[in-house]
Amino acid sequence: MLTRLAGASVRAALVAVTVAIPAVMLPEVSPNSAELSMLLAAIAAAFVIFEYGFPSPTLIEFRFAAP
């Protein structure tokens, strides 16, 4: 359980960085859009932790899907 939660938190951090990086990299971004980007990153990170951190999927079952 602990290793699953650790892996889920690493994935969530990577997803949050991936979502937030465009707003951070652009030179002229309004504070509102940067704030919205950070909010979406937090929501995406929470979704990833809930999906990967628990033994059964919560919203979408995609763990054993074929590539």
C-alpha atoms as a PDB file:
ATOM      1  CA  MET A   1       0.000   0.000   0.000  1.00  0.00           C
ATOM      2  CA  LEU A   2       2.777   2.412   0.870  1.00  0.00           C
ATOM      3  CA  THR A   3       4.723   1.746  -2.325  1.00  0.00           C
ATOM      4  CA  ARG A   4       1.543   2.159  -4.372  1.00  0.00           C
ATOM      5  CA  LEU A   5       0.890   5.532  -2.739  1.00  0.00           C
ATOM      6  CA  ALA A   6       4.506   6.613  -3.261  1.00  0.00           C
ATOM      7  CA  GLY A   7       4.333   5.710  -6.942  1.00  0.00           C
ATOM      8  CA  ALA A   8       1.005   7.502  -7.271  1.00  0.00           C
ATOM      9  CA  SER A   9       2.441  10.652  -5.702  1.00  0.00           C
ATOM     10  CA  VAL A  10       5.404  10.635  -8.076  1.00  0.00           C
ATOM     11  CA  ARG A  11       3.056  10.245 -11.036  1.00  0.00           C
ATOM     12  CA  ALA A  12       0.813  12.992  -9.678  1.00  0.00           C
ATOM     13  CA  ALA A  13       3.756  15.370  -9.320  1.00  0.00           C
ATOM     14  CA  LEU A  14       4.841  14.652 -12.891  1.00  0.00           C
ATOM     15  CA  VAL A  15       1.311  15.232 -14.181  1.00  0.00           C
ATOM     16  CA  ALA A  16       1.044  18.495 -12.224  1.00  0.00           C
ATOM     17  CA  VAL A  17       4.346  19.718 -13.656  1.00  0.00           C
ATOM     18  CA  THR A  18       3.265  18.730 -17.165  1.00  0.00           C
ATOM     19  CA  VAL A  19      -0.004  20.627 -16.834  1.00  0.00           C
ATOM     20  CA  ALA A  20       1.530  23.718 -15.210  1.00  0.00           C
ATOM     21  CA  ILE A  21       4.691  24.079 -17.317  1.00  0.00           C
ATOM     22  CA  PRO A  22       3.151  26.045 -20.230  1.00  0.00           C
ATOM     23  CA  ALA A  23       1.897  28.803 -17.924  1.00  0.00           C
ATOM     24  CA  VAL A  24       5.242  28.934 -16.132  1.00  0.00           C
ATOM     25  CA  MET A  25       7.356  29.039 -19.301  1.00  0.00           C
ATOM     26  CA  LEU A  26       5.491  31.798 -21.136  1.00  0.00           C
ATOM     27  CA  PRO A  27       6.905  35.264 -20.430  1.00  0.00           C
ATOM     28  CA  GLU A  28       3.658  37.248 -20.372  1.00  0.00           C
ATOM     29  CA  VAL A  29       0.911  35.330 -18.631  1.00  0.00           C
ATOM     30  CA  SER A  30      -1.847  37.054 -16.721  1.00  0.00           C
ATOM     31  CA  PRO A  31      -2.108  36.154 -13.046  1.00  0.00           C
ATOM     32  CA  ASN A  32      -5.596  34.745 -13.594  1.00  0.00           C
ATOM     33  CA  SER A  33      -4.484  32.288 -16.260  1.00  0.00           C
ATOM     34  CA  ALA A  34      -1.483  31.200 -14.190  1.00  0.00           C
ATOM     35  CA  GLU A  35      -3.771  30.641 -11.231  1.00  0.00           C
ATOM     36  CA  LEU A  36      -6.202  28.640 -13.366  1.00  0.00           C
ATOM     37  CA  SER A  37      -3.332  26.546 -14.695  1.00  0.00           C
ATOM     38  CA  MET A  38      -2.166  25.761 -11.160  1.00  0.00           C
ATOM     39  CA  LEU A  39      -5.734  24.849 -10.172  1.00  0.00           C
ATOM     40  CA  LEU A  40      -6.034  22.471 -13.130  1.00  0.00           C
ATOM     41  CA  ALA A  41      -2.648  20.966 -12.243  1.00  0.00           C
ATOM     42  CA  ALA A  42      -3.831  20.336  -8.686  1.00  0.00           C
ATOM     43  CA  ILE A  43      -7.063  18.737  -9.919  1.00  0.00           C
ATOM     44  CA  ALA A  44      -5.137  16.512 -12.348  1.00  0.00           C
ATOM     45  CA  ALA A  45      -2.696  15.511  -9.599  1.00  0.00           C
ATOM     46  CA  ALA A  46      -5.543  14.625  -7.240  1.00  0.00           C
ATOM     47  CA  PHE A  47      -7.178  12.541  -9.969  1.00  0.00           C
ATOM     48  CA  VAL A  48      -3.932  10.641 -10.588  1.00  0.00           C
ATOM     49  CA  ILE A  49      -3.423   9.948  -6.879  1.00  0.00           C
ATOM     50  CA  PHE A  50      -6.985   8.632  -6.567  1.00  0.00           C
ATOM     51  CA  GLU A  51      -6.689   6.504  -9.705  1.00  0.00           C
ATOM     52  CA  TYR A  52      -3.270   4.984  -9.003  1.00  0.00           C
ATOM     53  CA  GLY A  53      -3.249   5.058  -5.210  1.00  0.00           C
ATOM     54  CA  PHE A  54      -6.176   2.744  -4.558  1.00  0.00           C
ATOM     55  CA  PRO A  55      -6.535  -0.927  -5.487  1.00  0.00           C
ATOM     56  CA  SER A  56      -9.765  -0.438  -7.427  1.00  0.00           C
ATOM     57  CA  PRO A  57     -10.237   2.330 -10.007  1.00  0.00           C
ATOM     58  CA  THR A  58     -12.489   5.207  -9.046  1.00  0.00           C
ATOM     59  CA  LEU A  59     -13.623   6.797 -12.302  1.00  0.00           C
ATOM     60  CA  ILE A  60     -11.889   5.230 -15.290  1.00  0.00           C
ATOM     61  CA  GLU A  61     -10.602   1.675 -15.536  1.00  0.00           C
ATOM     62  CA  PHE A  62      -7.507   1.898 -17.697  1.00  0.00           C
ATOM     63  CA  ARG A  63      -4.817  -0.042 -15.841  1.00  0.00           C
ATOM     64  CA  PHE A  64      -4.956  -3.275 -17.820  1.00  0.00           C
ATOM     65  CA  ALA A  65      -5.946  -1.774 -21.155  1.00  0.00           C
ATOM     66  CA  ALA A  66      -4.147  -3.025 -24.222  1.00  0.00           C
ATOM     67  CA  PRO A  67      -1.597  -0.602 -25.707  1.00  0.00           C
END
